[in-house]
Amino acid sequence: NGNPVKLMNFIESLEKSLGVTAKKNFMPMQ
């Protein structure tokens, strides 16, 4: 796409589309 998106913004788009706020388990880099 040539336009990187922050992961949290991506998750916010999904939450908006689903109409649900995600329960998030923050973890270290894999």
mmCIF file of all heavy atoms, coordinates in Angstrom:
data_MODEL
# 
_entry.id   MODEL 
# 
loop_
_atom_site.group_PDB 
_atom_site.id 
_atom_site.type_symbol 
_atom_site.label_atom_id 
_atom_site.label_alt_id 
_atom_site.label_comp_id 
_atom_site.label_asym_id 
_atom_site.label_entity_id 
_atom_site.label_seq_id 
_atom_site.pdbx_PDB_ins_code 
_atom_site.Cartn_x 
_atom_site.Cartn_y 
_atom_site.Cartn_z 
_atom_site.occupancy 
_atom_site.B_iso_or_equiv 
_atom_site.pdbx_formal_charge 
_atom_site.auth_seq_id 
_atom_site.auth_comp_id 
_atom_site.auth_asym_id 
_atom_site.auth_atom_id 
_atom_site.pdbx_PDB_model_num 
ATOM 1   N N   . ASN A 1 1  ? 0.813   -1.211  0.000  1.00 0.00 ? 1  ASN A N   1 
ATOM 2   C CA  . ASN A 1 1  ? 0.000   0.000   0.000  1.00 0.00 ? 1  ASN A CA  1 
ATOM 3   C C   . ASN A 1 1  ? 0.850   1.266   0.000  1.00 0.00 ? 1  ASN A C   1 
ATOM 4   O O   . ASN A 1 1  ? 0.429   2.318   -0.453 1.00 0.00 ? 1  ASN A O   1 
ATOM 5   C CB  . ASN A 1 1  ? -0.926  0.004   1.223  1.00 0.00 ? 1  ASN A CB  1 
ATOM 6   C CG  . ASN A 1 1  ? -2.055  0.998   1.102  1.00 0.00 ? 1  ASN A CG  1 
ATOM 7   O OD1 . ASN A 1 1  ? -2.809  0.973   0.140  1.00 0.00 ? 1  ASN A OD1 1 
ATOM 8   N ND2 . ASN A 1 1  ? -2.159  1.898   2.063  1.00 0.00 ? 1  ASN A ND2 1 
ATOM 9   N N   . GLY A 1 2  ? 2.083   1.167   0.551  1.00 0.00 ? 2  GLY A N   1 
ATOM 10  C CA  . GLY A 1 2  ? 2.953   2.327   0.625  1.00 0.00 ? 2  GLY A CA  1 
ATOM 11  C C   . GLY A 1 2  ? 2.505   3.344   1.663  1.00 0.00 ? 2  GLY A C   1 
ATOM 12  O O   . GLY A 1 2  ? 2.838   4.523   1.574  1.00 0.00 ? 2  GLY A O   1 
ATOM 13  N N   . ASN A 1 3  ? 1.762   2.862   2.673  1.00 0.00 ? 3  ASN A N   1 
ATOM 14  C CA  . ASN A 1 3  ? 1.221   3.771   3.689  1.00 0.00 ? 3  ASN A CA  1 
ATOM 15  C C   . ASN A 1 3  ? 1.034   3.004   4.999  1.00 0.00 ? 3  ASN A C   1 
ATOM 16  O O   . ASN A 1 3  ? -0.064  2.523   5.279  1.00 0.00 ? 3  ASN A O   1 
ATOM 17  C CB  . ASN A 1 3  ? -0.113  4.361   3.218  1.00 0.00 ? 3  ASN A CB  1 
ATOM 18  C CG  . ASN A 1 3  ? -0.689  5.356   4.207  1.00 0.00 ? 3  ASN A CG  1 
ATOM 19  O OD1 . ASN A 1 3  ? 0.039   6.025   4.934  1.00 0.00 ? 3  ASN A OD1 1 
ATOM 20  N ND2 . ASN A 1 3  ? -2.013  5.441   4.252  1.00 0.00 ? 3  ASN A ND2 1 
ATOM 21  N N   . PRO A 1 4  ? 2.094   2.876   5.809  1.00 0.00 ? 4  PRO A N   1 
ATOM 22  C CA  . PRO A 1 4  ? 1.982   2.072   7.027  1.00 0.00 ? 4  PRO A CA  1 
ATOM 23  C C   . PRO A 1 4  ? 0.985   2.652   8.021  1.00 0.00 ? 4  PRO A C   1 
ATOM 24  O O   . PRO A 1 4  ? 0.829   3.870   8.134  1.00 0.00 ? 4  PRO A O   1 
ATOM 25  C CB  . PRO A 1 4  ? 3.403   2.088   7.600  1.00 0.00 ? 4  PRO A CB  1 
ATOM 26  C CG  . PRO A 1 4  ? 4.036   3.289   7.006  1.00 0.00 ? 4  PRO A CG  1 
ATOM 27  C CD  . PRO A 1 4  ? 3.432   3.465   5.652  1.00 0.00 ? 4  PRO A CD  1 
ATOM 28  N N   . VAL A 1 5  ? 0.289   1.741   8.714  1.00 0.00 ? 5  VAL A N   1 
ATOM 29  C CA  . VAL A 1 5  ? -0.754  2.112   9.677  1.00 0.00 ? 5  VAL A CA  1 
ATOM 30  C C   . VAL A 1 5  ? -0.360  1.586   11.054 1.00 0.00 ? 5  VAL A C   1 
ATOM 31  O O   . VAL A 1 5  ? 0.131   0.459   11.185 1.00 0.00 ? 5  VAL A O   1 
ATOM 32  C CB  . VAL A 1 5  ? -2.108  1.500   9.247  1.00 0.00 ? 5  VAL A CB  1 
ATOM 33  C CG1 . VAL A 1 5  ? -3.174  1.732   10.309 1.00 0.00 ? 5  VAL A CG1 1 
ATOM 34  C CG2 . VAL A 1 5  ? -2.539  2.070   7.897  1.00 0.00 ? 5  VAL A CG2 1 
ATOM 35  N N   . LYS A 1 6  ? -0.550  2.400   12.075 1.00 0.00 ? 6  LYS A N   1 
ATOM 36  C CA  . LYS A 1 6  ? -0.290  1.940   13.443 1.00 0.00 ? 6  LYS A CA  1 
ATOM 37  C C   . LYS A 1 6  ? -1.239  0.795   13.784 1.00 0.00 ? 6  LYS A C   1 
ATOM 38  O O   . LYS A 1 6  ? -2.432  0.844   13.472 1.00 0.00 ? 6  LYS A O   1 
ATOM 39  C CB  . LYS A 1 6  ? -0.482  3.085   14.433 1.00 0.00 ? 6  LYS A CB  1 
ATOM 40  C CG  . LYS A 1 6  ? 0.555   4.197   14.313 1.00 0.00 ? 6  LYS A CG  1 
ATOM 41  C CD  . LYS A 1 6  ? 0.290   5.303   15.328 1.00 0.00 ? 6  LYS A CD  1 
ATOM 42  C CE  . LYS A 1 6  ? 1.321   6.422   15.220 1.00 0.00 ? 6  LYS A CE  1 
ATOM 43  N NZ  . LYS A 1 6  ? 1.053   7.511   16.174 1.00 0.00 ? 6  LYS A NZ  1 
ATOM 44  N N   . LEU A 1 7  ? -0.701  -0.218  14.438 1.00 0.00 ? 7  LEU A N   1 
ATOM 45  C CA  . LEU A 1 7  ? -1.507  -1.380  14.792 1.00 0.00 ? 7  LEU A CA  1 
ATOM 46  C C   . LEU A 1 7  ? -2.718  -0.976  15.634 1.00 0.00 ? 7  LEU A C   1 
ATOM 47  O O   . LEU A 1 7  ? -3.825  -1.482  15.422 1.00 0.00 ? 7  LEU A O   1 
ATOM 48  C CB  . LEU A 1 7  ? -0.651  -2.400  15.555 1.00 0.00 ? 7  LEU A CB  1 
ATOM 49  C CG  . LEU A 1 7  ? -1.384  -3.655  16.042 1.00 0.00 ? 7  LEU A CG  1 
ATOM 50  C CD1 . LEU A 1 7  ? -2.011  -4.412  14.881 1.00 0.00 ? 7  LEU A CD1 1 
ATOM 51  C CD2 . LEU A 1 7  ? -0.427  -4.559  16.824 1.00 0.00 ? 7  LEU A CD2 1 
ATOM 52  N N   . MET A 1 8  ? -2.552  -0.047  16.560 1.00 0.00 ? 8  MET A N   1 
ATOM 53  C CA  . MET A 1 8  ? -3.678  0.357   17.403 1.00 0.00 ? 8  MET A CA  1 
ATOM 54  C C   . MET A 1 8  ? -4.759  1.068   16.586 1.00 0.00 ? 8  MET A C   1 
ATOM 55  O O   . MET A 1 8  ? -5.963  0.926   16.867 1.00 0.00 ? 8  MET A O   1 
ATOM 56  C CB  . MET A 1 8  ? -3.193  1.252   18.546 1.00 0.00 ? 8  MET A CB  1 
ATOM 57  C CG  . MET A 1 8  ? -2.288  0.541   19.546 1.00 0.00 ? 8  MET A CG  1 
ATOM 58  S SD  . MET A 1 8  ? -2.992  -1.008  20.189 1.00 0.00 ? 8  MET A SD  1 
ATOM 59  C CE  . MET A 1 8  ? -4.438  -0.372  21.049 1.00 0.00 ? 8  MET A CE  1 
ATOM 60  N N   . ASN A 1 9  ? -4.362  1.800   15.544 1.00 0.00 ? 9  ASN A N   1 
ATOM 61  C CA  . ASN A 1 9  ? -5.361  2.427   14.667 1.00 0.00 ? 9  ASN A CA  1 
ATOM 62  C C   . ASN A 1 9  ? -6.111  1.376   13.860 1.00 0.00 ? 9  ASN A C   1 
ATOM 63  O O   . ASN A 1 9  ? -7.308  1.509   13.600 1.00 0.00 ? 9  ASN A O   1 
ATOM 64  C CB  . ASN A 1 9  ? -4.688  3.419   13.713 1.00 0.00 ? 9  ASN A CB  1 
ATOM 65  C CG  . ASN A 1 9  ? -4.181  4.660   14.443 1.00 0.00 ? 9  ASN A CG  1 
ATOM 66  O OD1 . ASN A 1 9  ? -4.524  4.905   15.597 1.00 0.00 ? 9  ASN A OD1 1 
ATOM 67  N ND2 . ASN A 1 9  ? -3.349  5.437   13.772 1.00 0.00 ? 9  ASN A ND2 1 
ATOM 68  N N   . PHE A 1 10 ? -5.401  0.336   13.463 1.00 0.00 ? 10 PHE A N   1 
ATOM 69  C CA  . PHE A 1 10 ? -6.025  -0.778  12.745 1.00 0.00 ? 10 PHE A CA  1 
ATOM 70  C C   . PHE A 1 10 ? -7.060  -1.460  13.637 1.00 0.00 ? 10 PHE A C   1 
ATOM 71  O O   . PHE A 1 10 ? -8.184  -1.762  13.205 1.00 0.00 ? 10 PHE A O   1 
ATOM 72  C CB  . PHE A 1 10 ? -4.939  -1.765  12.309 1.00 0.00 ? 10 PHE A CB  1 
ATOM 73  C CG  . PHE A 1 10 ? -5.412  -2.855  11.398 1.00 0.00 ? 10 PHE A CG  1 
ATOM 74  C CD1 . PHE A 1 10 ? -5.722  -2.593  10.068 1.00 0.00 ? 10 PHE A CD1 1 
ATOM 75  C CD2 . PHE A 1 10 ? -5.509  -4.166  11.853 1.00 0.00 ? 10 PHE A CD2 1 
ATOM 76  C CE1 . PHE A 1 10 ? -6.133  -3.608  9.210  1.00 0.00 ? 10 PHE A CE1 1 
ATOM 77  C CE2 . PHE A 1 10 ? -5.917  -5.184  11.007 1.00 0.00 ? 10 PHE A CE2 1 
ATOM 78  C CZ  . PHE A 1 10 ? -6.234  -4.900  9.683  1.00 0.00 ? 10 PHE A CZ  1 
ATOM 79  N N   . ILE A 1 11 ? -6.690  -1.673  14.893 1.00 0.00 ? 11 ILE A N   1 
ATOM 80  C CA  . ILE A 1 11 ? -7.611  -2.300  15.848 1.00 0.00 ? 11 ILE A CA  1 
ATOM 81  C C   . ILE A 1 11 ? -8.825  -1.400  16.093 1.00 0.00 ? 11 ILE A C   1 
ATOM 82  O O   . ILE A 1 11 ? -9.969  -1.878  16.180 1.00 0.00 ? 11 ILE A O   1 
ATOM 83  C CB  . ILE A 1 11 ? -6.882  -2.624  17.169 1.00 0.00 ? 11 ILE A CB  1 
ATOM 84  C CG1 . ILE A 1 11 ? -5.851  -3.735  16.933 1.00 0.00 ? 11 ILE A CG1 1 
ATOM 85  C CG2 . ILE A 1 11 ? -7.872  -3.035  18.260 1.00 0.00 ? 11 ILE A CG2 1 
ATOM 86  C CD1 . ILE A 1 11 ? -4.920  -3.977  18.107 1.00 0.00 ? 11 ILE A CD1 1 
ATOM 87  N N   . GLU A 1 12 ? -8.594  -0.102  16.165 1.00 0.00 ? 12 GLU A N   1 
ATOM 88  C CA  . GLU A 1 12 ? -9.708  0.839   16.343 1.00 0.00 ? 12 GLU A CA  1 
ATOM 89  C C   . GLU A 1 12 ? -10.691 0.776   15.165 1.00 0.00 ? 12 GLU A C   1 
ATOM 90  O O   . GLU A 1 12 ? -11.911 0.843   15.356 1.00 0.00 ? 12 GLU A O   1 
ATOM 91  C CB  . GLU A 1 12 ? -9.174  2.258   16.503 1.00 0.00 ? 12 GLU A CB  1 
ATOM 92  C CG  . GLU A 1 12 ? -8.511  2.512   17.850 1.00 0.00 ? 12 GLU A CG  1 
ATOM 93  C CD  . GLU A 1 12 ? -7.772  3.843   17.893 1.00 0.00 ? 12 GLU A CD  1 
ATOM 94  O OE1 . GLU A 1 12 ? -7.890  4.619   16.905 1.00 0.00 ? 12 GLU A OE1 1 
ATOM 95  O OE2 . GLU A 1 12 ? -7.076  4.107   18.890 1.00 0.00 ? 12 GLU A OE2 1 
ATOM 96  N N   . SER A 1 13 ? -10.178 0.629   13.954 1.00 0.00 ? 13 SER A N   1 
ATOM 97  C CA  . SER A 1 13 ? -11.053 0.485   12.783 1.00 0.00 ? 13 SER A CA  1 
ATOM 98  C C   . SER A 1 13 ? -11.886 -0.776  12.895 1.00 0.00 ? 13 SER A C   1 
ATOM 99  O O   . SER A 1 13 ? -13.076 -0.784  12.543 1.00 0.00 ? 13 SER A O   1 
ATOM 100 C CB  . SER A 1 13 ? -10.208 0.444   11.495 1.00 0.00 ? 13 SER A CB  1 
ATOM 101 O OG  . SER A 1 13 ? -9.562  1.670   11.260 1.00 0.00 ? 13 SER A OG  1 
ATOM 102 N N   . LEU A 1 14 ? -11.283 -1.857  13.379 1.00 0.00 ? 14 LEU A N   1 
ATOM 103 C CA  . LEU A 1 14 ? -12.011 -3.110  13.545 1.00 0.00 ? 14 LEU A CA  1 
ATOM 104 C C   . LEU A 1 14 ? -13.071 -2.978  14.639 1.00 0.00 ? 14 LEU A C   1 
ATOM 105 O O   . LEU A 1 14 ? -14.215 -3.434  14.467 1.00 0.00 ? 14 LEU A O   1 
ATOM 106 C CB  . LEU A 1 14 ? -11.036 -4.234  13.879 1.00 0.00 ? 14 LEU A CB  1 
ATOM 107 C CG  . LEU A 1 14 ? -11.653 -5.611  14.128 1.00 0.00 ? 14 LEU A CG  1 
ATOM 108 C CD1 . LEU A 1 14 ? -12.468 -6.083  12.929 1.00 0.00 ? 14 LEU A CD1 1 
ATOM 109 C CD2 . LEU A 1 14 ? -10.563 -6.632  14.457 1.00 0.00 ? 14 LEU A CD2 1 
ATOM 110 N N   . GLU A 1 15 ? -12.712 -2.351  15.755 1.00 0.00 ? 15 GLU A N   1 
ATOM 111 C CA  . GLU A 1 15 ? -13.682 -2.154  16.834 1.00 0.00 ? 15 GLU A CA  1 
ATOM 112 C C   . GLU A 1 15 ? -14.881 -1.341  16.346 1.00 0.00 ? 15 GLU A C   1 
ATOM 113 O O   . GLU A 1 15 ? -16.041 -1.663  16.659 1.00 0.00 ? 15 GLU A O   1 
ATOM 114 C CB  . GLU A 1 15 ? -13.014 -1.432  18.007 1.00 0.00 ? 15 GLU A CB  1 
ATOM 115 C CG  . GLU A 1 15 ? -11.988 -2.271  18.750 1.00 0.00 ? 15 GLU A CG  1 
ATOM 116 C CD  . GLU A 1 15 ? -11.222 -1.458  19.780 1.00 0.00 ? 15 GLU A CD  1 
ATOM 117 O OE1 . GLU A 1 15 ? -10.954 -0.259  19.528 1.00 0.00 ? 15 GLU A OE1 1 
ATOM 118 O OE2 . GLU A 1 15 ? -10.881 -2.026  20.841 1.00 0.00 ? 15 GLU A OE2 1 
ATOM 119 N N   . LYS A 1 16 ? -14.623 -0.309  15.566 1.00 0.00 ? 16 LYS A N   1 
ATOM 120 C CA  . LYS A 1 16 ? -15.696 0.523   15.029 1.00 0.00 ? 16 LYS A CA  1 
ATOM 121 C C   . LYS A 1 16 ? -16.593 -0.283  14.108 1.00 0.00 ? 16 LYS A C   1 
ATOM 122 O O   . LYS A 1 16 ? -17.835 -0.184  14.158 1.00 0.00 ? 16 LYS A O   1 
ATOM 123 C CB  . LYS A 1 16 ? -15.108 1.717   14.288 1.00 0.00 ? 16 LYS A CB  1 
ATOM 124 C CG  . LYS A 1 16 ? -16.147 2.660   13.707 1.00 0.00 ? 16 LYS A CG  1 
ATOM 125 C CD  . LYS A 1 16 ? -15.487 3.847   13.011 1.00 0.00 ? 16 LYS A CD  1 
ATOM 126 C CE  . LYS A 1 16 ? -16.532 4.771   12.381 1.00 0.00 ? 16 LYS A CE  1 
ATOM 127 N NZ  . LYS A 1 16 ? -15.892 5.914   11.667 1.00 0.00 ? 16 LYS A NZ  1 
ATOM 128 N N   . SER A 1 17 ? -16.000 -1.104  13.255 1.00 0.00 ? 17 SER A N   1 
ATOM 129 C CA  . SER A 1 17 ? -16.776 -1.901  12.310 1.00 0.00 ? 17 SER A CA  1 
ATOM 130 C C   . SER A 1 17 ? -17.624 -2.954  13.012 1.00 0.00 ? 17 SER A C   1 
ATOM 131 O O   . SER A 1 17 ? -18.765 -3.210  12.630 1.00 0.00 ? 17 SER A O   1 
ATOM 132 C CB  . SER A 1 17 ? -15.831 -2.576  11.309 1.00 0.00 ? 17 SER A CB  1 
ATOM 133 O OG  . SER A 1 17 ? -16.555 -3.251  10.305 1.00 0.00 ? 17 SER A OG  1 
ATOM 134 N N   . LEU A 1 18 ? -17.056 -3.551  14.078 1.00 0.00 ? 18 LEU A N   1 
ATOM 135 C CA  . LEU A 1 18 ? -17.785 -4.582  14.825 1.00 0.00 ? 18 LEU A CA  1 
ATOM 136 C C   . LEU A 1 18 ? -18.763 -3.997  15.835 1.00 0.00 ? 18 LEU A C   1 
ATOM 137 O O   . LEU A 1 18 ? -19.705 -4.672  16.262 1.00 0.00 ? 18 LEU A O   1 
ATOM 138 C CB  . LEU A 1 18 ? -16.789 -5.487  15.558 1.00 0.00 ? 18 LEU A CB  1 
ATOM 139 C CG  . LEU A 1 18 ? -15.915 -6.410  14.711 1.00 0.00 ? 18 LEU A CG  1 
ATOM 140 C CD1 . LEU A 1 18 ? -14.861 -7.073  15.583 1.00 0.00 ? 18 LEU A CD1 1 
ATOM 141 C CD2 . LEU A 1 18 ? -16.765 -7.466  13.998 1.00 0.00 ? 18 LEU A CD2 1 
ATOM 142 N N   . GLY A 1 19 ? -18.522 -2.751  16.225 1.00 0.00 ? 19 GLY A N   1 
ATOM 143 C CA  . GLY A 1 19 ? -19.348 -2.151  17.270 1.00 0.00 ? 19 GLY A CA  1 
ATOM 144 C C   . GLY A 1 19 ? -19.041 -2.722  18.638 1.00 0.00 ? 19 GLY A C   1 
ATOM 145 O O   . GLY A 1 19 ? -19.889 -2.727  19.528 1.00 0.00 ? 19 GLY A O   1 
ATOM 146 N N   . VAL A 1 20 ? -17.808 -3.204  18.808 1.00 0.00 ? 20 VAL A N   1 
ATOM 147 C CA  . VAL A 1 20 ? -17.384 -3.828  20.069 1.00 0.00 ? 20 VAL A CA  1 
ATOM 148 C C   . VAL A 1 20 ? -15.981 -3.338  20.405 1.00 0.00 ? 20 VAL A C   1 
ATOM 149 O O   . VAL A 1 20 ? -15.128 -3.237  19.524 1.00 0.00 ? 20 VAL A O   1 
ATOM 150 C CB  . VAL A 1 20 ? -17.359 -5.366  19.955 1.00 0.00 ? 20 VAL A CB  1 
ATOM 151 C CG1 . VAL A 1 20 ? -16.936 -5.990  21.284 1.00 0.00 ? 20 VAL A CG1 1 
ATOM 152 C CG2 . VAL A 1 20 ? -18.707 -5.913  19.503 1.00 0.00 ? 20 VAL A CG2 1 
ATOM 153 N N   . THR A 1 21 ? -15.746 -3.041  21.690 1.00 0.00 ? 21 THR A N   1 
ATOM 154 C CA  . THR A 1 21 ? -14.402 -2.681  22.140 1.00 0.00 ? 21 THR A CA  1 
ATOM 155 C C   . THR A 1 21 ? -13.647 -3.947  22.515 1.00 0.00 ? 21 THR A C   1 
ATOM 156 O O   . THR A 1 21 ? -14.140 -4.764  23.299 1.00 0.00 ? 21 THR A O   1 
ATOM 157 C CB  . THR A 1 21 ? -14.460 -1.729  23.346 1.00 0.00 ? 21 THR A CB  1 
ATOM 158 O OG1 . THR A 1 21 ? -15.138 -0.535  22.964 1.00 0.00 ? 21 THR A OG1 1 
ATOM 159 C CG2 . THR A 1 21 ? -13.059 -1.378  23.825 1.00 0.00 ? 21 THR A CG2 1 
ATOM 160 N N   . ALA A 1 22 ? -12.473 -4.114  21.948 1.00 0.00 ? 22 ALA A N   1 
ATOM 161 C CA  . ALA A 1 22 ? -11.689 -5.324  22.191 1.00 0.00 ? 22 ALA A CA  1 
ATOM 162 C C   . ALA A 1 22 ? -11.078 -5.335  23.583 1.00 0.00 ? 22 ALA A C   1 
ATOM 163 O O   . ALA A 1 22 ? -10.647 -4.294  24.098 1.00 0.00 ? 22 ALA A O   1 
ATOM 164 C CB  . ALA A 1 22 ? -10.586 -5.433  21.144 1.00 0.00 ? 22 ALA A CB  1 
ATOM 165 N N   . LYS A 1 23 ? -11.040 -6.518  24.167 1.00 0.00 ? 23 LYS A N   1 
ATOM 166 C CA  . LYS A 1 23 ? -10.267 -6.717  25.397 1.00 0.00 ? 23 LYS A CA  1 
ATOM 167 C C   . LYS A 1 23 ? -8.845  -7.078  24.986 1.00 0.00 ? 23 LYS A C   1 
ATOM 168 O O   . LYS A 1 23 ? -8.649  -8.084  24.287 1.00 0.00 ? 23 LYS A O   1 
ATOM 169 C CB  . LYS A 1 23 ? -10.893 -7.845  26.238 1.00 0.00 ? 23 LYS A CB  1 
ATOM 170 C CG  . LYS A 1 23 ? -12.263 -7.492  26.793 1.00 0.00 ? 23 LYS A CG  1 
ATOM 171 C CD  . LYS A 1 23 ? -12.846 -8.611  27.631 1.00 0.00 ? 23 LYS A CD  1 
ATOM 172 C CE  . LYS A 1 23 ? -13.526 -9.640  26.752 1.00 0.00 ? 23 LYS A CE  1 
ATOM 173 N NZ  . LYS A 1 23 ? -14.280 -10.658 27.551 1.00 0.00 ? 23 LYS A NZ  1 
ATOM 174 N N   . LYS A 1 24 ? -7.890  -6.240  25.384 1.00 0.00 ? 24 LYS A N   1 
ATOM 175 C CA  . LYS A 1 24 ? -6.533  -6.361  24.836 1.00 0.00 ? 24 LYS A CA  1 
ATOM 176 C C   . LYS A 1 24 ? -5.563  -6.935  25.860 1.00 0.00 ? 24 LYS A C   1 
ATOM 177 O O   . LYS A 1 24 ? -5.526  -6.510  27.016 1.00 0.00 ? 24 LYS A O   1 
ATOM 178 C CB  . LYS A 1 24 ? -6.047  -4.989  24.361 1.00 0.00 ? 24 LYS A CB  1 
ATOM 179 C CG  . LYS A 1 24 ? -6.960  -4.355  23.325 1.00 0.00 ? 24 LYS A CG  1 
ATOM 180 C CD  . LYS A 1 24 ? -6.580  -2.915  23.039 1.00 0.00 ? 24 LYS A CD  1 
ATOM 181 C CE  . LYS A 1 24 ? -7.582  -2.245  22.112 1.00 0.00 ? 24 LYS A CE  1 
ATOM 182 N NZ  . LYS A 1 24 ? -8.896  -1.991  22.774 1.00 0.00 ? 24 LYS A NZ  1 
ATOM 183 N N   . ASN A 1 25 ? -4.774  -7.893  25.390 1.00 0.00 ? 25 ASN A N   1 
ATOM 184 C CA  . ASN A 1 25 ? -3.704  -8.482  26.188 1.00 0.00 ? 25 ASN A CA  1 
ATOM 185 C C   . ASN A 1 25 ? -2.374  -8.028  25.594 1.00 0.00 ? 25 ASN A C   1 
ATOM 186 O O   . ASN A 1 25 ? -1.909  -8.565  24.581 1.00 0.00 ? 25 ASN A O   1 
ATOM 187 C CB  . ASN A 1 25 ? -3.811  -10.010 26.164 1.00 0.00 ? 25 ASN A CB  1 
ATOM 188 C CG  . ASN A 1 25 ? -2.690  -10.681 26.930 1.00 0.00 ? 25 ASN A CG  1 
ATOM 189 O OD1 . ASN A 1 25 ? -2.199  -10.153 27.932 1.00 0.00 ? 25 ASN A OD1 1 
ATOM 190 N ND2 . ASN A 1 25 ? -2.257  -11.841 26.448 1.00 0.00 ? 25 ASN A ND2 1 
ATOM 191 N N   . PHE A 1 26 ? -1.771  -6.992  26.189 1.00 0.00 ? 26 PHE A N   1 
ATOM 192 C CA  . PHE A 1 26 ? -0.534  -6.432  25.646 1.00 0.00 ? 26 PHE A CA  1 
ATOM 193 C C   . PHE A 1 26 ? 0.649   -7.334  25.981 1.00 0.00 ? 26 PHE A C   1 
ATOM 194 O O   . PHE A 1 26 ? 0.825   -7.749  27.122 1.00 0.00 ? 26 PHE A O   1 
ATOM 195 C CB  . PHE A 1 26 ? -0.314  -5.020  26.177 1.00 0.00 ? 26 PHE A CB  1 
ATOM 196 C CG  . PHE A 1 26 ? -1.315  -4.033  25.644 1.00 0.00 ? 26 PHE A CG  1 
ATOM 197 C CD1 . PHE A 1 26 ? -2.422  -3.648  26.394 1.00 0.00 ? 26 PHE A CD1 1 
ATOM 198 C CD2 . PHE A 1 26 ? -1.166  -3.512  24.367 1.00 0.00 ? 26 PHE A CD2 1 
ATOM 199 C CE1 . PHE A 1 26 ? -3.346  -2.742  25.892 1.00 0.00 ? 26 PHE A CE1 1 
ATOM 200 C CE2 . PHE A 1 26 ? -2.093  -2.607  23.850 1.00 0.00 ? 26 PHE A CE2 1 
ATOM 201 C CZ  . PHE A 1 26 ? -3.186  -2.221  24.611 1.00 0.00 ? 26 PHE A CZ  1 
ATOM 202 N N   . MET A 1 27 ? 1.433   -7.621  24.938 1.00 0.00 ? 27 MET A N   1 
ATOM 203 C CA  . MET A 1 27 ? 2.526   -8.579  25.069 1.00 0.00 ? 27 MET A CA  1 
ATOM 204 C C   . MET A 1 27 ? 3.805   -8.022  24.431 1.00 0.00 ? 27 MET A C   1 
ATOM 205 O O   . MET A 1 27 ? 3.752   -7.090  23.633 1.00 0.00 ? 27 MET A O   1 
ATOM 206 C CB  . MET A 1 27 ? 2.144   -9.900  24.385 1.00 0.00 ? 27 MET A CB  1 
ATOM 207 C CG  . MET A 1 27 ? 0.903   -10.562 24.971 1.00 0.00 ? 27 MET A CG  1 
ATOM 208 S SD  . MET A 1 27 ? 0.470   -12.077 24.093 1.00 0.00 ? 27 MET A SD  1 
ATOM 209 C CE  . MET A 1 27 ? 1.848   -13.138 24.547 1.00 0.00 ? 27 MET A CE  1 
ATOM 210 N N   . PRO A 1 28 ? 4.969   -8.610  24.764 1.00 0.00 ? 28 PRO A N   1 
ATOM 211 C CA  . PRO A 1 28 ? 6.225   -8.170  24.137 1.00 0.00 ? 28 PRO A CA  1 
ATOM 212 C C   . PRO A 1 28 ? 6.305   -8.624  22.680 1.00 0.00 ? 28 PRO A C   1 
ATOM 213 O O   . PRO A 1 28 ? 5.503   -9.444  22.233 1.00 0.00 ? 28 PRO A O   1 
ATOM 214 C CB  . PRO A 1 28 ? 7.301   -8.844  24.992 1.00 0.00 ? 28 PRO A CB  1 
ATOM 215 C CG  . PRO A 1 28 ? 6.618   -10.042 25.584 1.00 0.00 ? 28 PRO A CG  1 
ATOM 216 C CD  . PRO A 1 28 ? 5.187   -9.641  25.809 1.00 0.00 ? 28 PRO A CD  1 
ATOM 217 N N   . MET A 1 29 ? 7.280   -8.102  21.970 1.00 0.00 ? 29 MET A N   1 
ATOM 218 C CA  . MET A 1 29 ? 7.522   -8.487  20.578 1.00 0.00 ? 29 MET A CA  1 
ATOM 219 C C   . MET A 1 29 ? 7.826   -9.980  20.506 1.00 0.00 ? 29 MET A C   1 
ATOM 220 O O   . MET A 1 29 ? 8.511   -10.529 21.374 1.00 0.00 ? 29 MET A O   1 
ATOM 221 C CB  . MET A 1 29 ? 8.696   -7.694  20.006 1.00 0.00 ? 29 MET A CB  1 
ATOM 222 C CG  . MET A 1 29 ? 8.988   -7.971  18.549 1.00 0.00 ? 29 MET A CG  1 
ATOM 223 S SD  . MET A 1 29 ? 7.899   -7.074  17.436 1.00 0.00 ? 29 MET A SD  1 
ATOM 224 C CE  . MET A 1 29 ? 8.800   -5.529  17.270 1.00 0.00 ? 29 MET A CE  1 
ATOM 225 N N   . GLN A 1 30 ? 7.315   -10.633 19.469 1.00 0.00 ? 30 GLN A N   1 
ATOM 226 C CA  . GLN A 1 30 ? 7.577   -12.053 19.268 1.00 0.00 ? 30 GLN A CA  1 
ATOM 227 C C   . GLN A 1 30 ? 8.850   -12.272 18.462 1.00 0.00 ? 30 GLN A C   1 
ATOM 228 O O   . GLN A 1 30 ? 9.230   -11.435 17.636 1.00 0.00 ? 30 GLN A O   1 
ATOM 229 C CB  . GLN A 1 30 ? 6.411   -12.708 18.520 1.00 0.00 ? 30 GLN A CB  1 
ATOM 230 C CG  . GLN A 1 30 ? 5.143   -12.806 19.334 1.00 0.00 ? 30 GLN A CG  1 
ATOM 231 C CD  . GLN A 1 30 ? 4.178   -13.770 18.696 1.00 0.00 ? 30 GLN A CD  1 
ATOM 232 O OE1 . GLN A 1 30 ? 3.853   -14.809 19.251 1.00 0.00 ? 30 GLN A OE1 1 
ATOM 233 N NE2 . GLN A 1 30 ? 3.707   -13.429 17.517 1.00 0.00 ? 30 GLN A NE2 1 
# 
